[in-house]
Amino acid sequence: MEMRNEQCLDNFEAVILANGGYPVHEVPLNILQHTSHVVACDGAVSHYPQAEIIVGDGDSVPEAFRNRLIQIDEQEDNDLTKATRYCLHQGWHRIAYLAATGMREDHTLGNIALLMRYYRDMDVEGIMATDYGIFTPAKGDRTFLSKPGQQVSIFNFGSTRISSEGLKWNSYAYRELWQGTLNEALADQFTLRADGYYMVYQTY
């Protein structure tokens, strides 16, 4: 069954603001400004004092904001995951992750991988918006809104079959992370068909 990507960039129930590189591009900033609930991961509140709640172990929260802190000391999960669990407890499943990349590369890779974990294991309908594009986790057959010339990368998370329509180069079940990068949309949409999970990155 084909599913169309109807994810609107102003249709999120919550933003989780991580403590990576604070966004400067208009797309993540617009998401931040037009989403009702903003949850800051620990010290990220210093960049966005309007956040309604702060979730984390509290090690980098300024004293002035500690009255909004939900302190979770366990170290099995990072603050991004703790904030995600908080949102799910509130019934918020449509989540935009911002400031989750930039700065330390190991954190960037880990947070992108966590986006797939949240989609696959925690029923999160999420995206991760950066200053350059958007990561969207997906499964099975899905059509993505696009534009001619848009750069598209596909990362396989366990699919044994992937095919594409509307991309410059045909997709397949990539075995390495680099193999699905640097593709290009040919029209205002493209379709991926797969038997498992994958991650799509689209530039603005």
Protein backbone atom coordinates (compact mmCIF):
# COMPACT_ATOMS: atom_id res chain seq x y z
CA MET A 1 0.00 0.00 0.00
CA GLU A 2 1.43 3.36 -1.01
CA MET A 3 1.58 6.10 1.60
CA ARG A 4 1.94 9.75 0.72
CA ASN A 5 4.21 11.94 2.80
CA GLU A 6 1.78 14.55 4.13
CA GLN A 7 4.05 15.80 6.93
CA CYS A 8 3.51 19.56 7.12
CA LEU A 9 6.22 21.64 8.68
CA ASP A 10 3.71 23.48 10.88
CA ASN A 11 1.79 20.43 12.04
CA PHE A 12 3.88 19.20 14.98
CA GLU A 13 2.61 18.69 18.48
CA ALA A 14 6.01 19.35 20.02
CA VAL A 15 9.54 20.46 19.31
CA ILE A 16 12.44 18.87 21.13
CA LEU A 17 15.33 21.31 21.14
CA ALA A 18 18.65 19.53 21.62
CA ASN A 19 21.86 21.18 22.74
CA GLY A 20 23.71 20.96 19.42
CA GLY A 21 24.21 23.72 16.88
CA TYR A 22 21.34 26.18 17.31
CA PRO A 23 19.51 26.58 13.96
CA VAL A 24 19.80 29.67 11.79
CA HIS A 25 17.88 28.51 8.69
CA GLU A 26 14.31 29.77 8.35
CA VAL A 27 12.75 26.28 8.15
CA PRO A 28 13.78 24.99 11.61
CA LEU A 29 13.26 28.45 13.08
CA ASN A 30 9.72 28.59 11.68
CA ILE A 31 9.00 25.15 13.10
CA LEU A 32 10.24 26.34 16.48
CA GLN A 33 8.11 29.48 16.38
CA HIS A 34 4.90 27.77 15.24
CA THR A 35 4.83 24.70 17.48
CA SER A 36 2.83 24.95 20.71
CA HIS A 37 5.06 22.84 22.95
CA VAL A 38 8.84 23.23 23.13
CA VAL A 39 10.85 20.85 25.29
CA ALA A 40 14.49 21.75 25.85
CA CYS A 41 17.17 19.17 26.48
CA ASP A 42 19.01 20.39 29.56
CA GLY A 43 21.28 23.34 28.63
CA ALA A 44 19.45 24.03 25.36
CA VAL A 45 17.15 26.31 27.33
CA SER A 46 19.94 28.89 27.33
CA HIS A 47 19.35 29.28 23.57
CA TYR A 48 15.55 29.29 23.85
CA PRO A 49 14.41 30.56 27.28
CA GLN A 50 10.74 30.34 26.19
CA ALA A 51 10.81 26.52 26.38
CA GLU A 52 7.93 25.36 28.57
CA ILE A 53 9.80 22.45 30.11
CA ILE A 54 13.37 21.22 30.43
CA VAL A 55 14.19 17.52 30.55
CA GLY A 56 17.54 16.01 31.43
CA ASP A 57 19.97 15.30 34.24
CA GLY A 58 20.22 19.02 35.00
CA ASP A 59 23.98 19.27 34.80
CA SER A 60 23.95 22.26 32.42
CA VAL A 61 20.71 24.06 33.33
CA PRO A 62 21.22 27.62 34.61
CA GLU A 63 19.78 28.24 38.07
CA ALA A 64 17.22 30.73 36.70
CA PHE A 65 15.47 27.95 34.73
CA ARG A 66 15.58 25.08 37.22
CA ASN A 67 11.95 25.62 38.26
CA ARG A 68 11.01 24.16 34.84
CA LEU A 69 13.40 21.22 35.04
CA ILE A 70 12.22 17.62 35.07
CA GLN A 71 15.38 16.00 36.34
CA ILE A 72 16.03 12.42 35.24
CA ASP A 73 19.34 11.15 36.55
CA GLU A 74 19.51 7.70 34.91
CA GLN A 75 22.26 7.47 32.29
CA GLU A 76 20.97 4.58 30.17
CA ASP A 77 19.33 7.05 27.76
CA ASN A 78 20.53 10.48 26.68
CA ASP A 79 18.58 13.70 27.17
CA LEU A 80 17.06 13.50 23.67
CA THR A 81 15.48 10.16 24.53
CA LYS A 82 14.37 11.38 27.97
CA ALA A 83 12.66 14.36 26.30
CA THR A 84 11.04 12.03 23.77
CA ARG A 85 9.62 9.86 26.53
CA TYR A 86 8.26 12.98 28.23
CA CYS A 87 6.48 14.03 25.02
CA LEU A 88 4.99 10.59 24.52
CA HIS A 89 3.75 10.63 28.11
CA GLN A 90 1.91 13.85 27.23
CA GLY A 91 0.37 12.16 24.19
CA TRP A 92 2.52 14.07 21.68
CA HIS A 93 3.69 11.79 18.88
CA ARG A 94 4.29 14.30 16.05
CA ILE A 95 7.68 15.65 17.10
CA ALA A 96 10.24 17.86 15.34
CA TYR A 97 13.83 17.51 16.54
CA LEU A 98 15.93 20.66 16.22
CA ALA A 99 19.54 21.51 17.12
CA ALA A 100 20.29 17.77 17.19
CA THR A 101 23.22 18.06 14.75
CA GLY A 102 26.29 20.25 14.48
CA MET A 103 29.11 20.54 16.98
CA ARG A 104 30.26 17.03 17.99
CA GLU A 105 30.05 14.57 15.10
CA ASP A 106 29.52 11.55 17.35
CA HIS A 107 26.44 13.20 18.86
CA THR A 108 25.17 14.02 15.35
CA LEU A 109 25.45 10.41 14.19
CA GLY A 110 23.93 9.10 17.40
CA ASN A 111 20.96 11.48 17.26
CA ILE A 112 20.18 10.65 13.62
CA ALA A 113 20.21 6.96 14.50
CA LEU A 114 17.96 7.66 17.50
CA LEU A 115 15.40 9.27 15.17
CA MET A 116 14.96 5.87 13.55
CA ARG A 117 14.72 4.19 16.96
CA TYR A 118 11.93 6.57 17.99
CA TYR A 119 10.02 5.89 14.77
CA ARG A 120 10.52 2.13 14.79
CA ASP A 121 10.21 1.33 18.49
CA MET A 122 8.32 4.24 20.12
CA ASP A 123 5.65 5.22 17.57
CA VAL A 124 7.05 8.73 17.03
CA GLU A 125 6.02 10.50 13.82
CA GLY A 126 9.11 12.65 13.73
CA ILE A 127 11.54 14.53 11.57
CA MET A 128 14.91 16.09 12.27
CA ALA A 129 15.38 19.51 10.72
CA THR A 130 18.88 20.96 10.31
CA ASP A 131 20.17 24.12 8.65
CA TYR A 132 20.49 22.22 5.37
CA GLY A 133 17.61 19.76 5.12
CA ILE A 134 15.29 17.30 6.81
CA PHE A 135 15.70 13.67 7.88
CA THR A 136 12.54 11.55 7.73
CA PRO A 137 12.38 7.92 8.94
CA ALA A 138 10.10 5.69 6.89
CA LYS A 139 8.99 2.12 6.28
CA GLY A 140 7.59 0.29 3.26
CA ASP A 141 6.13 2.19 0.31
CA ARG A 142 6.03 5.95 0.63
CA THR A 143 5.73 8.99 -1.63
CA PHE A 144 7.65 12.13 -0.65
CA LEU A 145 6.86 15.66 -1.77
CA SER A 146 9.86 17.17 -3.51
CA LYS A 147 10.93 19.55 -6.28
CA PRO A 148 13.02 19.05 -9.42
CA GLY A 149 16.71 19.12 -8.61
CA GLN A 150 16.29 18.60 -4.88
CA GLN A 151 19.15 16.56 -3.45
CA VAL A 152 18.03 13.33 -1.79
CA SER A 153 19.91 10.73 0.22
CA ILE A 154 18.58 7.37 1.39
CA PHE A 155 19.99 5.38 4.29
CA ASN A 156 18.97 1.75 4.66
CA PHE A 157 17.97 0.45 8.10
CA GLY A 158 17.45 -3.23 7.39
CA SER A 159 15.45 -3.37 4.16
CA THR A 160 16.35 -6.21 1.80
CA ARG A 161 14.50 -4.56 -1.08
CA ILE A 162 14.36 -0.86 -2.04
CA SER A 163 13.30 0.62 -5.37
CA SER A 164 12.48 4.16 -6.44
CA GLU A 165 10.45 6.18 -8.91
CA GLY A 166 11.14 9.84 -9.63
CA LEU A 167 14.82 9.87 -8.67
CA LYS A 168 17.74 10.34 -11.04
CA TRP A 169 19.37 7.06 -10.00
CA ASN A 170 17.44 3.91 -9.17
CA SER A 171 17.56 2.91 -5.51
CA TYR A 172 18.40 -0.53 -4.19
CA ALA A 173 18.94 -2.18 -0.79
CA TYR A 174 22.11 -0.31 0.13
CA ARG A 175 24.57 -2.19 2.31
CA GLU A 176 26.74 0.82 3.19
CA LEU A 177 25.68 4.24 4.48
CA TRP A 178 27.36 6.12 1.63
CA GLN A 179 25.75 4.15 -1.20
CA GLY A 180 22.38 5.92 -1.13
CA THR A 181 23.68 9.46 -0.85
CA LEU A 182 23.66 12.26 -3.45
CA ASN A 183 20.60 11.27 -5.46
CA GLU A 184 18.32 13.85 -7.07
CA ALA A 185 14.56 14.33 -7.42
CA LEU A 186 13.22 14.70 -10.96
CA ALA A 187 9.77 16.15 -10.22
CA ASP A 188 7.50 17.37 -7.43
CA GLN A 189 7.44 13.97 -5.76
CA PHE A 190 9.26 10.66 -5.66
CA THR A 191 8.29 7.22 -4.39
CA LEU A 192 10.31 4.64 -2.51
CA ARG A 193 9.20 1.02 -2.21
CA ALA A 194 10.83 -1.15 0.42
CA ASP A 195 10.23 -4.16 2.62
CA GLY A 196 11.66 -2.52 5.74
CA TYR A 197 12.94 0.67 7.33
CA TYR A 198 15.01 3.47 5.80
CA MET A 199 15.84 7.13 6.35
CA VAL A 200 15.39 9.86 3.74
CA TYR A 201 17.28 13.15 3.75
CA GLN A 202 16.02 16.03 1.57
CA THR A 203 17.75 19.36 1.16
CA TYR A 204 15.75 22.59 1.29
